[in-house]
C-alpha atoms as a PDB file:
ATOM      1  CA  UNK A   1     107.224 105.473 111.603  1.00  0.00           C
ATOM      2  CA  UNK A   2     108.783 107.943 109.182  1.00  0.00           C
ATOM      3  CA  UNK A   3     107.156 108.389 105.801  1.00  0.00           C
ATOM      4  CA  UNK A   4     109.523 108.079 102.874  1.00  0.00           C
ATOM      5  CA  UNK A   5     110.588 111.523 101.620  1.00  0.00           C
ATOM      6  CA  UNK A   6     109.048 111.151  98.160  1.00  0.00           C
ATOM      7  CA  UNK A   7     105.710 110.014  99.595  1.00  0.00           C
ATOM      8  CA  UNK A   8     105.736 112.869 102.099  1.00  0.00           C
ATOM      9  CA  UNK A   9     106.479 115.369  99.355  1.00  0.00           C
ATOM     10  CA  UNK A  10     103.508 114.200  97.269  1.00  0.00           C
ATOM     11  CA  UNK A  11     101.239 114.177 100.351  1.00  0.00           C
ATOM     12  CA  UNK A  12     102.349 117.698 101.296  1.00  0.00           C
ATOM     13  CA  UNK A  13     101.601 118.986  97.825  1.00  0.00           C
ATOM     14  CA  UNK A  14      98.164 117.350  97.774  1.00  0.00           C
ATOM     15  CA  UNK A  15      97.387 118.731 101.244  1.00  0.00           C
ATOM     16  CA  UNK A  16      98.359 122.290 100.329  1.00  0.00           C
ATOM     17  CA  UNK A  17      96.485 122.155  97.016  1.00  0.00           C
ATOM     18  CA  UNK A  18      93.332 120.568  98.450  1.00  0.00           C
ATOM     19  CA  UNK A  19      93.140 122.729 101.581  1.00  0.00           C
ATOM     20  CA  UNK A  20      94.730 125.860 100.041  1.00  0.00           C
ATOM     21  CA  UNK A  21      96.694 126.137 103.248  1.00  0.00           C
ATOM     22  CA  UNK A  22      99.966 127.797 104.170  1.00  0.00           C
ATOM     23  CA  UNK A  23     103.418 126.288 104.589  1.00  0.00           C
ATOM     24  CA  UNK A  24     103.128 126.885 108.335  1.00  0.00           C
ATOM     25  CA  UNK A  25      99.848 124.980 108.604  1.00  0.00           C
ATOM     26  CA  UNK A  26     101.205 122.109 106.512  1.00  0.00           C
ATOM     27  CA  UNK A  27     104.325 121.925 108.676  1.00  0.00           C
ATOM     28  CA  UNK A  28     102.198 121.647 111.822  1.00  0.00           C
ATOM     29  CA  UNK A  29      99.970 119.010 110.228  1.00  0.00           C
ATOM     30  CA  UNK A  30     102.892 116.819 109.123  1.00  0.00           C
ATOM     31  CA  UNK A  31     105.097 117.498 112.174  1.00  0.00           C
ATOM     32  CA  UNK A  32     108.023 118.875 110.179  1.00  0.00           C
ATOM     33  CA  UNK A  33     109.692 122.265 109.860  1.00  0.00           C
ATOM     34  CA  UNK A  34     108.574 125.024 107.513  1.00  0.00           C
ATOM     35  CA  UNK A  35     111.975 124.795 105.817  1.00  0.00           C
ATOM     36  CA  UNK A  36     111.416 121.121 105.062  1.00  0.00           C
ATOM     37  CA  UNK A  37     107.961 121.813 103.624  1.00  0.00           C
ATOM     38  CA  UNK A  38     109.371 124.581 101.453  1.00  0.00           C
ATOM     39  CA  UNK A  39     112.278 122.430 100.230  1.00  0.00           C
ATOM     40  CA  UNK A  40     109.935 119.515  99.477  1.00  0.00           C
ATOM     41  CA  UNK A  41     107.585 121.697  97.450  1.00  0.00           C
ATOM     42  CA  UNK A  42     110.092 123.856  95.605  1.00  0.00           C
ATOM     43  CA  UNK A  43     112.931 121.413  94.929  1.00  0.00           C
ATOM     44  CA  UNK A  44     111.973 117.757  95.388  1.00  0.00           C
ATOM     45  CA  UNK A  45     108.471 117.935  93.923  1.00  0.00           C
ATOM     46  CA  UNK A  46     109.690 119.377  90.620  1.00  0.00           C
ATOM     47  CA  UNK A  47     111.583 116.171  89.848  1.00  0.00           C
ATOM     48  CA  UNK A  48     108.870 113.846  91.209  1.00  0.00           C
ATOM     49  CA  UNK A  49     105.781 115.387  89.623  1.00  0.00           C
ATOM     50  CA  UNK A  50     106.195 118.619  87.608  1.00  0.00           C
ATOM     51  CA  UNK A  51     102.438 119.095  87.107  1.00  0.00           C
ATOM     52  CA  UNK A  52     101.726 118.838  90.827  1.00  0.00           C
ATOM     53  CA  UNK A  53     104.704 121.125  91.480  1.00  0.00           C
ATOM     54  CA  UNK A  54     103.141 123.799  89.271  1.00  0.00           C
ATOM     55  CA  UNK A  55      99.846 123.608  91.150  1.00  0.00           C
ATOM     56  CA  UNK A  56     101.610 123.776  94.521  1.00  0.00           C
ATOM     57  CA  UNK A  57     103.754 126.693  93.314  1.00  0.00           C
ATOM     58  CA  UNK A  58     100.602 128.622  92.410  1.00  0.00           C
ATOM     59  CA  UNK A  59      99.291 128.232  95.985  1.00  0.00           C
ATOM     60  CA  UNK A  60     102.671 129.214  97.463  1.00  0.00           C
ATOM     61  CA  UNK A  61     102.830 132.306  95.252  1.00  0.00           C
ATOM     62  CA  UNK A  62      99.279 133.291  96.179  1.00  0.00           C
ATOM     63  CA  UNK A  63     100.089 132.923  99.898  1.00  0.00           C
ATOM     64  CA  UNK A  64     103.234 134.984  99.483  1.00  0.00           C
ATOM     65  CA  UNK A  65     101.348 137.780  97.763  1.00  0.00           C
ATOM     66  CA  UNK A  66      98.739 137.865 100.553  1.00  0.00           C
ATOM     67  CA  UNK A  67     100.969 137.511 103.607  1.00  0.00           C
ATOM     68  CA  UNK A  68     101.333 141.248 104.239  1.00  0.00           C
ATOM     69  CA  UNK A  69      97.550 141.512 104.380  1.00  0.00           C
ATOM     70  CA  UNK A  70      97.275 138.590 106.813  1.00  0.00           C
ATOM     71  CA  UNK A  71      99.986 140.150 108.982  1.00  0.00           C
ATOM     72  CA  UNK A  72      98.133 143.459 109.102  1.00  0.00           C
ATOM     73  CA  UNK A  73      94.892 141.756 110.079  1.00  0.00           C
ATOM     74  CA  UNK A  74      96.670 139.749 112.802  1.00  0.00           C
ATOM     75  CA  UNK A  75      98.239 142.914 114.220  1.00  0.00           C
ATOM     76  CA  UNK A  76      94.909 144.735 114.145  1.00  0.00           C
ATOM     77  CA  UNK A  77      93.222 141.884 115.995  1.00  0.00           C
ATOM     78  CA  UNK A  78      96.062 141.709 118.523  1.00  0.00           C
ATOM     79  CA  UNK A  79      95.668 145.358 119.505  1.00  0.00           C
ATOM     80  CA  UNK A  80      91.891 145.177 119.427  1.00  0.00           C
ATOM     81  CA  UNK A  81      92.014 142.229 121.832  1.00  0.00           C
ATOM     82  CA  UNK A  82      94.487 144.072 124.088  1.00  0.00           C
ATOM     83  CA  UNK A  83      92.245 147.163 124.165  1.00  0.00           C
ATOM     84  CA  UNK A  84      89.207 145.101 125.135  1.00  0.00           C
ATOM     85  CA  UNK A  85      91.166 143.356 127.888  1.00  0.00           C
ATOM     86  CA  UNK A  86      91.980 146.618 129.715  1.00  0.00           C
END
């Protein structure tokens, strides 16, 4: 059964705020695309609940500012794992 869009948007925001998770993790958890999560949080949520939208935006901004670090760590671990496998 599909959750109504407004309910899903509020649930997504609460999930991301409570877990401090990424858009990708939220998309997997709710079984929707990353684009849908992003649209829900940046466009729909603002009209539904501006306060919650501000809190969610803070998490999204924090994730965006840290993503280059996460990518570097993932690459480092990838090559470390490959070197150990040889």
